[in-house]
Amino acid sequence: MLLLNQNYEPLSVCRVKRAVVLVLLRKAEPVELYNLVARSVSFSMQLPSVLRLNYYVHVKRKDVPLTKRNILRRDHSVCQYCGRRYPDMTTDHVIPKALGGPDSWDNLVCACKKCNTQKGNRTLAQTNMKLRRRPKKPHYFTFTISMMGRVPEVWRPYLFQGQ
């Protein structure tokens, strides 16, 4: 079950038991429902897929660490220049470090060795190469949940994915 803050911001993924308790204690309300029903001797309830808390929880924002592994995950291990996927991908500075390009989410992309070598220490304009997608810093929760694999379709409108 996807748990949302009062302002519909994703907070966490919780188990069925916790979701049912939150609804029964009126601490959360269902936003989306599964076609499954939980039953006891004297009670039955349709299971929620997405829950929204009835109160706001202040959460300290976490940042995704800037590492080669996380750059490759963000770009799905696809070269951002040619679109191919190889077993040994590298990272490339869009604006080369030699020209003042920083180590940042907005300046690092996944690249195959061939494209990285072809681009070298030059800018995109100097090489006539184009990026398939503009690099940007990922949202912590969206980045974390994307590692789950297949995300339920009803969760997508609440995950800031843009996909």
C-alpha atoms as a PDB file:
ATOM      1  CA  MET A   1       0.000   0.000   0.000  1.00  0.00           C
ATOM      2  CA  LEU A   2       1.304   3.437  -0.920  1.00  0.00           C
ATOM      3  CA  LEU A   3       1.090   5.879   1.990  1.00  0.00           C
ATOM      4  CA  LEU A   4       0.722   9.571   1.172  1.00  0.00           C
ATOM      5  CA  ASN A   5       1.112  12.581   3.424  1.00  0.00           C
ATOM      6  CA  GLN A   6      -1.893  14.883   3.915  1.00  0.00           C
ATOM      7  CA  ASN A   7      -0.720  16.962   0.923  1.00  0.00           C
ATOM      8  CA  TYR A   8      -0.576  13.817  -1.310  1.00  0.00           C
ATOM      9  CA  GLU A   9       3.220  13.628  -1.200  1.00  0.00           C
ATOM     10  CA  PRO A  10       4.434   9.988  -1.138  1.00  0.00           C
ATOM     11  CA  LEU A  11       5.806   8.923   2.258  1.00  0.00           C
ATOM     12  CA  SER A  12       6.299   5.172   2.216  1.00  0.00           C
ATOM     13  CA  VAL A  13       5.047   1.770   1.212  1.00  0.00           C
ATOM     14  CA  CYS A  14       3.330  -0.089   4.048  1.00  0.00           C
ATOM     15  CA  ARG A  15       2.005  -3.577   4.680  1.00  0.00           C
ATOM     16  CA  VAL A  16      -1.672  -4.542   4.581  1.00  0.00           C
ATOM     17  CA  LYS A  17      -1.943  -4.828   8.371  1.00  0.00           C
ATOM     18  CA  ARG A  18      -0.644  -1.287   8.932  1.00  0.00           C
ATOM     19  CA  ALA A  19      -2.916   0.114   6.212  1.00  0.00           C
ATOM     20  CA  VAL A  20      -6.001  -1.515   7.752  1.00  0.00           C
ATOM     21  CA  VAL A  21      -5.085  -0.245  11.238  1.00  0.00           C
ATOM     22  CA  LEU A  22      -4.553   3.309   9.943  1.00  0.00           C
ATOM     23  CA  VAL A  23      -7.987   3.272   8.289  1.00  0.00           C
ATOM     24  CA  LEU A  24      -9.742   1.733  11.305  1.00  0.00           C
ATOM     25  CA  LEU A  25      -8.179   4.266  13.682  1.00  0.00           C
ATOM     26  CA  ARG A  26      -9.204   7.021  11.231  1.00  0.00           C
ATOM     27  CA  LYS A  27      -5.639   8.221  10.891  1.00  0.00           C
ATOM     28  CA  ALA A  28      -5.781   7.711   7.119  1.00  0.00           C
ATOM     29  CA  GLU A  29      -8.363   7.493   4.384  1.00  0.00           C
ATOM     30  CA  PRO A  30      -8.295   5.325   1.257  1.00  0.00           C
ATOM     31  CA  VAL A  31      -7.682   7.193  -1.995  1.00  0.00           C
ATOM     32  CA  GLU A  32      -7.526   4.179  -4.327  1.00  0.00           C
ATOM     33  CA  LEU A  33      -8.891   0.683  -3.633  1.00  0.00           C
ATOM     34  CA  TYR A  34      -7.924  -2.836  -4.683  1.00  0.00           C
ATOM     35  CA  ASN A  35     -10.594  -5.308  -5.777  1.00  0.00           C
ATOM     36  CA  LEU A  36      -9.726  -7.358  -2.679  1.00  0.00           C
ATOM     37  CA  VAL A  37     -11.712  -7.580   0.550  1.00  0.00           C
ATOM     38  CA  ALA A  38     -10.331  -8.315   4.024  1.00  0.00           C
ATOM     39  CA  ARG A  39     -12.846 -10.175   6.182  1.00  0.00           C
ATOM     40  CA  SER A  40     -13.191 -11.123   9.821  1.00  0.00           C
ATOM     41  CA  VAL A  41     -16.118 -12.691  11.664  1.00  0.00           C
ATOM     42  CA  SER A  42     -17.916  -9.374  12.119  1.00  0.00           C
ATOM     43  CA  PHE A  43     -16.216  -7.048   9.681  1.00  0.00           C
ATOM     44  CA  SER A  44     -15.211  -6.705   6.044  1.00  0.00           C
ATOM     45  CA  MET A  45     -13.422  -3.927   4.211  1.00  0.00           C
ATOM     46  CA  GLN A  46     -12.116  -3.336   0.710  1.00  0.00           C
ATOM     47  CA  LEU A  47      -8.323  -3.112   0.832  1.00  0.00           C
ATOM     48  CA  PRO A  48      -6.769   0.250  -0.012  1.00  0.00           C
ATOM     49  CA  SER A  49      -4.059   0.541  -2.641  1.00  0.00           C
ATOM     50  CA  VAL A  50      -3.259   4.183  -1.859  1.00  0.00           C
ATOM     51  CA  LEU A  51      -3.815   5.821   1.549  1.00  0.00           C
ATOM     52  CA  ARG A  52      -3.671   9.492   2.543  1.00  0.00           C
ATOM     53  CA  LEU A  53      -2.929  10.515   6.120  1.00  0.00           C
ATOM     54  CA  ASN A  54      -5.488  12.796   7.784  1.00  0.00           C
ATOM     55  CA  TYR A  55      -2.685  14.882   9.296  1.00  0.00           C
ATOM     56  CA  TYR A  56       0.552  16.320   7.959  1.00  0.00           C
ATOM     57  CA  VAL A  57       3.826  14.602   8.880  1.00  0.00           C
ATOM     58  CA  HIS A  58       6.947  16.746   8.554  1.00  0.00           C
ATOM     59  CA  VAL A  59       9.636  14.617   6.928  1.00  0.00           C
ATOM     60  CA  LYS A  60      13.285  15.589   6.715  1.00  0.00           C
ATOM     61  CA  ARG A  61      14.175  15.361   3.037  1.00  0.00           C
ATOM     62  CA  LYS A  62      16.784  12.846   2.053  1.00  0.00           C
ATOM     63  CA  ASP A  63      19.020  13.294  -0.952  1.00  0.00           C
ATOM     64  CA  VAL A  64      20.015  10.523  -3.321  1.00  0.00           C
ATOM     65  CA  PRO A  65      23.807  10.152  -3.038  1.00  0.00           C
ATOM     66  CA  LEU A  66      25.644  11.185  -6.202  1.00  0.00           C
ATOM     67  CA  THR A  67      27.481   7.999  -7.194  1.00  0.00           C
ATOM     68  CA  LYS A  68      28.296   6.297 -10.492  1.00  0.00           C
ATOM     69  CA  ARG A  69      25.909   3.487  -9.598  1.00  0.00           C
ATOM     70  CA  ASN A  70      23.036   5.927  -8.968  1.00  0.00           C
ATOM     71  CA  ILE A  71      23.718   7.808 -12.224  1.00  0.00           C
ATOM     72  CA  LEU A  72      23.487   4.481 -14.090  1.00  0.00           C
ATOM     73  CA  ARG A  73      20.255   3.621 -12.215  1.00  0.00           C
ATOM     74  CA  ARG A  74      18.715   7.016 -12.977  1.00  0.00           C
ATOM     75  CA  ASP A  75      19.477   6.580 -16.693  1.00  0.00           C
ATOM     76  CA  HIS A  76      18.487   2.877 -16.659  1.00  0.00           C
ATOM     77  CA  SER A  77      22.007   1.948 -17.866  1.00  0.00           C
ATOM     78  CA  VAL A  78      21.223   3.377 -21.304  1.00  0.00           C
ATOM     79  CA  CYS A  79      23.751   5.569 -23.088  1.00  0.00           C
ATOM     80  CA  GLN A  80      22.325   9.074 -23.137  1.00  0.00           C
ATOM     81  CA  TYR A  81      23.994   9.777 -26.478  1.00  0.00           C
ATOM     82  CA  CYS A  82      23.341   6.721 -28.678  1.00  0.00           C
ATOM     83  CA  GLY A  83      20.595   4.961 -26.697  1.00  0.00           C
ATOM     84  CA  ARG A  84      22.352   1.594 -26.551  1.00  0.00           C
ATOM     85  CA  ARG A  85      22.940  -0.575 -23.507  1.00  0.00           C
ATOM     86  CA  TYR A  86      26.231  -2.335 -22.815  1.00  0.00           C
ATOM     87  CA  PRO A  87      27.431  -4.326 -19.794  1.00  0.00           C
ATOM     88  CA  ASP A  88      30.224  -1.851 -18.988  1.00  0.00           C
ATOM     89  CA  MET A  89      28.772   1.671 -18.983  1.00  0.00           C
ATOM     90  CA  THR A  90      30.600   4.789 -17.798  1.00  0.00           C
ATOM     91  CA  THR A  91      29.547   8.243 -16.674  1.00  0.00           C
ATOM     92  CA  ASP A  92      30.288  11.376 -18.668  1.00  0.00           C
ATOM     93  CA  HIS A  93      30.355  15.055 -17.779  1.00  0.00           C
ATOM     94  CA  VAL A  94      28.071  16.939 -20.193  1.00  0.00           C
ATOM     95  CA  ILE A  95      30.185  20.044 -19.584  1.00  0.00           C
ATOM     96  CA  PRO A  96      33.706  18.608 -19.174  1.00  0.00           C
ATOM     97  CA  LYS A  97      35.494  19.076 -15.849  1.00  0.00           C
ATOM     98  CA  ALA A  98      38.353  20.730 -17.749  1.00  0.00           C
ATOM     99  CA  LEU A  99      35.895  23.458 -18.797  1.00  0.00           C
ATOM    100  CA  GLY A 100      34.532  23.935 -15.275  1.00  0.00           C
ATOM    101  CA  GLY A 101      31.748  21.354 -15.356  1.00  0.00           C
ATOM    102  CA  PRO A 102      30.750  20.246 -11.835  1.00  0.00           C
ATOM    103  CA  ASP A 103      30.166  16.776 -10.423  1.00  0.00           C
ATOM    104  CA  SER A 104      26.382  17.147 -10.176  1.00  0.00           C
ATOM    105  CA  TRP A 105      23.156  15.379 -11.102  1.00  0.00           C
ATOM    106  CA  ASP A 106      22.590  17.977 -13.821  1.00  0.00           C
ATOM    107  CA  ASN A 107      25.988  17.449 -15.438  1.00  0.00           C
ATOM    108  CA  LEU A 108      26.585  13.674 -15.261  1.00  0.00           C
ATOM    109  CA  VAL A 109      25.023  11.123 -17.613  1.00  0.00           C
ATOM    110  CA  CYS A 110      25.371   7.445 -18.406  1.00  0.00           C
ATOM    111  CA  ALA A 111      27.469   6.848 -21.540  1.00  0.00           C
ATOM    112  CA  CYS A 112      28.896   3.884 -23.394  1.00  0.00           C
ATOM    113  CA  LYS A 113      32.674   3.801 -23.783  1.00  0.00           C
ATOM    114  CA  LYS A 114      32.467   4.546 -27.513  1.00  0.00           C
ATOM    115  CA  CYS A 115      30.373   7.722 -27.068  1.00  0.00           C
ATOM    116  CA  ASN A 116      32.379   8.826 -24.031  1.00  0.00           C
ATOM    117  CA  THR A 117      35.608   8.518 -26.040  1.00  0.00           C
ATOM    118  CA  GLN A 118      34.068  10.234 -29.069  1.00  0.00           C
ATOM    119  CA  LYS A 119      32.908  13.192 -26.965  1.00  0.00           C
ATOM    120  CA  GLY A 120      36.145  13.370 -25.015  1.00  0.00           C
ATOM    121  CA  ASN A 121      36.922  16.684 -23.352  1.00  0.00           C
ATOM    122  CA  ARG A 122      34.606  18.713 -25.590  1.00  0.00           C
ATOM    123  CA  THR A 123      31.123  20.211 -25.274  1.00  0.00           C
ATOM    124  CA  LEU A 124      28.050  18.827 -27.041  1.00  0.00           C
ATOM    125  CA  ALA A 125      28.119  21.722 -29.522  1.00  0.00           C
ATOM    126  CA  GLN A 126      31.743  20.986 -30.450  1.00  0.00           C
ATOM    127  CA  THR A 127      30.981  17.318 -31.149  1.00  0.00           C
ATOM    128  CA  ASN A 128      27.502  17.676 -32.728  1.00  0.00           C
ATOM    129  CA  MET A 129      26.233  15.108 -30.212  1.00  0.00           C
ATOM    130  CA  LYS A 130      22.829  15.391 -28.535  1.00  0.00           C
ATOM    131  CA  LEU A 131      21.490  14.111 -25.238  1.00  0.00           C
ATOM    132  CA  ARG A 132      18.477  11.817 -25.392  1.00  0.00           C
ATOM    133  CA  ARG A 133      17.204  13.247 -22.115  1.00  0.00           C
ATOM    134  CA  ARG A 134      18.249  16.221 -20.000  1.00  0.00           C
ATOM    135  CA  PRO A 135      19.847  15.009 -16.754  1.00  0.00           C
ATOM    136  CA  LYS A 136      18.222  16.049 -13.481  1.00  0.00           C
ATOM    137  CA  LYS A 137      18.368  15.233  -9.799  1.00  0.00           C
ATOM    138  CA  PRO A 138      15.932  12.434  -8.917  1.00  0.00           C
ATOM    139  CA  HIS A 139      13.328  12.716  -6.157  1.00  0.00           C
ATOM    140  CA  TYR A 140      14.385  10.443  -3.265  1.00  0.00           C
ATOM    141  CA  PHE A 141      11.119   8.523  -2.905  1.00  0.00           C
ATOM    142  CA  THR A 142      10.586   8.075  -6.630  1.00  0.00           C
ATOM    143  CA  PHE A 143      14.183   6.903  -7.053  1.00  0.00           C
ATOM    144  CA  THR A 144      13.813   4.425  -4.188  1.00  0.00           C
ATOM    145  CA  ILE A 145      10.479   3.038  -5.342  1.00  0.00           C
ATOM    146  CA  SER A 146      11.722   2.624  -8.912  1.00  0.00           C
ATOM    147  CA  MET A 147      14.075  -0.057  -7.592  1.00  0.00           C
ATOM    148  CA  MET A 148      11.020  -2.129  -6.617  1.00  0.00           C
ATOM    149  CA  GLY A 149      10.649  -3.125 -10.233  1.00  0.00           C
ATOM    150  CA  ARG A 150       7.053  -3.063 -11.431  1.00  0.00           C
ATOM    151  CA  VAL A 151       5.053  -0.298  -9.731  1.00  0.00           C
ATOM    152  CA  PRO A 152       1.252  -0.698  -9.593  1.00  0.00           C
ATOM    153  CA  GLU A 153      -0.426   1.462 -12.223  1.00  0.00           C
ATOM    154  CA  VAL A 154      -2.762   3.161  -9.695  1.00  0.00           C
ATOM    155  CA  TRP A 155       0.296   4.511  -7.802  1.00  0.00           C
ATOM    156  CA  ARG A 156       1.802   6.337 -10.800  1.00  0.00           C
ATOM    157  CA  PRO A 157      -0.220   9.596 -10.504  1.00  0.00           C
ATOM    158  CA  TYR A 158       1.135  10.004  -6.944  1.00  0.00           C
ATOM    159  CA  LEU A 159       4.832   9.329  -7.616  1.00  0.00           C
ATOM    160  CA  PHE A 160       6.092  12.422  -9.527  1.00  0.00           C
ATOM    161  CA  GLN A 161       7.430  10.155 -12.254  1.00  0.00           C
ATOM    162  CA  GLY A 162       6.431  11.935 -15.420  1.00  0.00           C
ATOM    163  CA  GLN A 163       6.690   8.607 -17.247  1.00  0.00           C
END
